[in-house]
Amino acid sequence: MGISDLIAEFIQQALAEENGTTELQRSELAGKFNCVPSQINYVISTRFSPERGYIVESRRGGGGYIRISRVRMGPQALAMHTINAIGSSIDLQSAAALISNAASGGAIDDKTAHMMLAAIGNQALRPVPPSERGIVRASILKQMLLKTIQ
């Protein structure tokens, strides 16, 4: 298990123990895991992003902190939040993270998640020029999510 995995696991455990919100100090975490503070930033930005269902607040300076909160909402609100997070274009990795978050939050079931991934994947969008796939992917994903809440 790599250092990033260990840091992410530690943060996940802190979130579970503290009812979905935790405050951390970047320098303390870096000291605990014997790494540079930028490693902490990397883990937070890649594993605790809004696409994955987290809100991250940061305050720099002497008494600075990082506050991470797991977004908790009902299935319809989560679906609407996901639709709003998509924008006019989305890459496959971000779309997959949003779909995974929607499934884990109960907005869609696993079968629907798998169908969505198939519909927006590069294989399905092969006839679309690569420069246009993000736009088409966003449109398809938004429509599919809208139909799940109607």
Protein backbone atom coordinates (compact mmCIF):
# COMPACT_ATOMS: atom_id res chain seq x y z
CA MET A 1 0.00 0.00 0.00
CA GLY A 2 1.45 3.37 -1.04
CA ILE A 3 1.73 6.52 1.05
CA SER A 4 -1.23 8.12 -0.78
CA ASP A 5 -3.41 5.13 0.09
CA LEU A 6 -2.37 5.32 3.74
CA ILE A 7 -3.13 9.04 3.94
CA ALA A 8 -6.52 8.56 2.23
CA GLU A 9 -7.38 5.69 4.57
CA PHE A 10 -6.45 7.80 7.60
CA ILE A 11 -8.69 10.65 6.39
CA GLN A 12 -11.56 8.23 5.64
CA GLN A 13 -11.26 6.83 9.17
CA ALA A 14 -11.28 10.35 10.64
CA LEU A 15 -14.40 11.17 8.63
CA ALA A 16 -16.12 8.02 9.89
CA GLU A 17 -15.19 8.73 13.51
CA GLU A 18 -16.22 12.37 13.36
CA ASN A 19 -19.61 11.90 11.67
CA GLY A 20 -18.63 12.97 8.16
CA THR A 21 -16.54 16.09 8.86
CA THR A 22 -12.95 16.36 9.99
CA GLU A 23 -10.42 19.14 10.44
CA LEU A 24 -6.80 18.39 9.76
CA GLN A 25 -3.55 20.30 9.79
CA ARG A 26 -1.46 19.73 6.69
CA SER A 27 1.87 19.95 8.54
CA GLU A 28 0.77 17.52 11.27
CA LEU A 29 -0.40 15.00 8.69
CA ALA A 30 2.83 15.39 6.72
CA GLY A 31 4.79 14.77 9.94
CA LYS A 32 2.68 11.73 10.83
CA PHE A 33 3.28 10.14 7.43
CA ASN A 34 6.83 11.47 7.00
CA CYS A 35 6.06 13.16 3.71
CA VAL A 36 5.96 16.67 2.27
CA PRO A 37 2.79 18.78 2.68
CA SER A 38 2.28 18.75 -1.09
CA GLN A 39 1.66 14.99 -0.82
CA ILE A 40 -1.25 15.75 1.50
CA ASN A 41 -2.55 18.30 -1.02
CA TYR A 42 -2.32 15.70 -3.78
CA VAL A 43 -4.31 13.11 -1.82
CA ILE A 44 -6.99 15.61 -0.88
CA SER A 45 -7.38 17.00 -4.40
CA THR A 46 -7.55 13.56 -6.04
CA ARG A 47 -9.47 11.50 -3.47
CA PHE A 48 -11.67 14.06 -1.72
CA SER A 49 -12.94 16.18 -4.61
CA PRO A 50 -16.48 17.49 -5.14
CA GLU A 51 -16.96 14.84 -7.87
CA ARG A 52 -16.41 12.23 -5.21
CA GLY A 53 -18.91 13.83 -2.83
CA TYR A 54 -16.71 15.96 -0.57
CA ILE A 55 -16.45 19.63 0.31
CA VAL A 56 -12.93 20.78 1.13
CA GLU A 57 -12.25 24.08 2.86
CA SER A 58 -8.74 25.29 3.51
CA ARG A 59 -7.24 28.07 5.56
CA ARG A 60 -3.55 28.73 5.29
CA GLY A 61 -1.24 30.27 7.83
CA GLY A 62 -0.16 29.52 11.40
CA GLY A 63 -3.54 28.28 12.62
CA GLY A 64 -4.48 26.96 9.20
CA TYR A 65 -6.51 23.83 8.67
CA ILE A 66 -8.15 21.67 6.07
CA ARG A 67 -11.80 20.83 6.73
CA ILE A 68 -13.19 17.91 4.76
CA SER A 69 -16.90 17.13 4.81
CA ARG A 70 -18.75 14.27 3.19
CA VAL A 71 -21.80 15.63 1.40
CA ARG A 72 -24.93 13.89 2.62
CA MET A 73 -28.16 14.38 0.71
CA GLY A 74 -31.17 12.46 -0.45
CA PRO A 75 -31.18 10.58 -3.76
CA GLN A 76 -32.99 13.30 -5.75
CA ALA A 77 -30.85 16.10 -4.35
CA LEU A 78 -27.73 14.05 -5.05
CA ALA A 79 -28.85 13.45 -8.64
CA MET A 80 -29.45 17.19 -9.12
CA HIS A 81 -26.11 18.03 -7.48
CA THR A 82 -24.44 15.59 -9.89
CA ILE A 83 -26.20 17.11 -12.91
CA ASN A 84 -25.09 20.59 -11.84
CA ALA A 85 -21.51 19.41 -11.34
CA ILE A 86 -21.20 18.10 -14.89
CA GLY A 87 -20.97 21.38 -16.79
CA SER A 88 -20.91 21.59 -20.59
CA SER A 89 -18.10 19.03 -21.01
CA ILE A 90 -16.67 16.25 -18.85
CA ASP A 91 -13.82 13.77 -19.17
CA LEU A 92 -14.42 10.05 -18.65
CA GLN A 93 -12.55 9.85 -15.33
CA SER A 94 -14.59 12.68 -13.75
CA ALA A 95 -17.82 11.26 -15.14
CA ALA A 96 -17.00 7.84 -13.69
CA ALA A 97 -16.32 9.43 -10.28
CA LEU A 98 -19.66 11.27 -10.39
CA ILE A 99 -21.50 8.08 -11.36
CA SER A 100 -19.78 6.15 -8.57
CA ASN A 101 -20.72 8.83 -6.06
CA ALA A 102 -24.34 8.87 -7.29
CA ALA A 103 -24.50 5.08 -6.89
CA SER A 104 -22.93 5.04 -3.43
CA GLY A 105 -25.30 7.83 -2.36
CA GLY A 106 -28.38 5.92 -3.54
CA ALA A 107 -29.32 8.26 -6.41
CA ILE A 108 -28.94 5.38 -8.89
CA ASP A 109 -28.59 1.62 -8.55
CA ASP A 110 -25.53 -0.37 -9.60
CA LYS A 111 -27.13 -1.65 -12.81
CA THR A 112 -27.96 1.91 -13.88
CA ALA A 113 -24.43 3.02 -13.01
CA HIS A 114 -22.96 0.30 -15.22
CA MET A 115 -25.26 1.23 -18.10
CA MET A 116 -24.33 4.90 -17.74
CA LEU A 117 -20.63 4.06 -17.83
CA ALA A 118 -21.16 1.98 -20.96
CA ALA A 119 -23.15 4.76 -22.65
CA ILE A 120 -20.55 7.46 -22.02
CA GLY A 121 -17.42 5.34 -22.48
CA ASN A 122 -14.89 5.85 -25.24
CA GLN A 123 -16.07 2.70 -27.03
CA ALA A 124 -19.65 3.99 -27.27
CA LEU A 125 -18.44 7.44 -28.33
CA ARG A 126 -15.92 6.13 -30.87
CA PRO A 127 -17.80 7.66 -33.86
CA VAL A 128 -17.54 11.08 -32.17
CA PRO A 129 -14.30 12.99 -32.77
CA PRO A 130 -12.14 12.87 -29.61
CA SER A 131 -12.25 16.67 -29.26
CA GLU A 132 -16.07 16.52 -29.03
CA ARG A 133 -16.49 13.50 -26.74
CA GLY A 134 -16.50 15.50 -23.51
CA ILE A 135 -19.41 17.62 -24.73
CA VAL A 136 -21.41 14.61 -25.94
CA ARG A 137 -20.57 12.68 -22.75
CA ALA A 138 -21.84 15.55 -20.57
CA SER A 139 -25.08 15.80 -22.54
CA ILE A 140 -25.76 12.05 -22.38
CA LEU A 141 -24.94 11.83 -18.69
CA LYS A 142 -27.18 14.79 -17.79
CA GLN A 143 -30.11 13.32 -19.74
CA MET A 144 -29.70 9.90 -18.14
CA LEU A 145 -29.57 11.40 -14.64
CA LEU A 146 -32.60 13.58 -15.34
CA LYS A 147 -34.57 10.50 -16.37
CA THR A 148 -33.67 8.72 -13.12
CA ILE A 149 -35.32 11.43 -11.01
CA GLN A 150 -38.48 11.91 -13.09
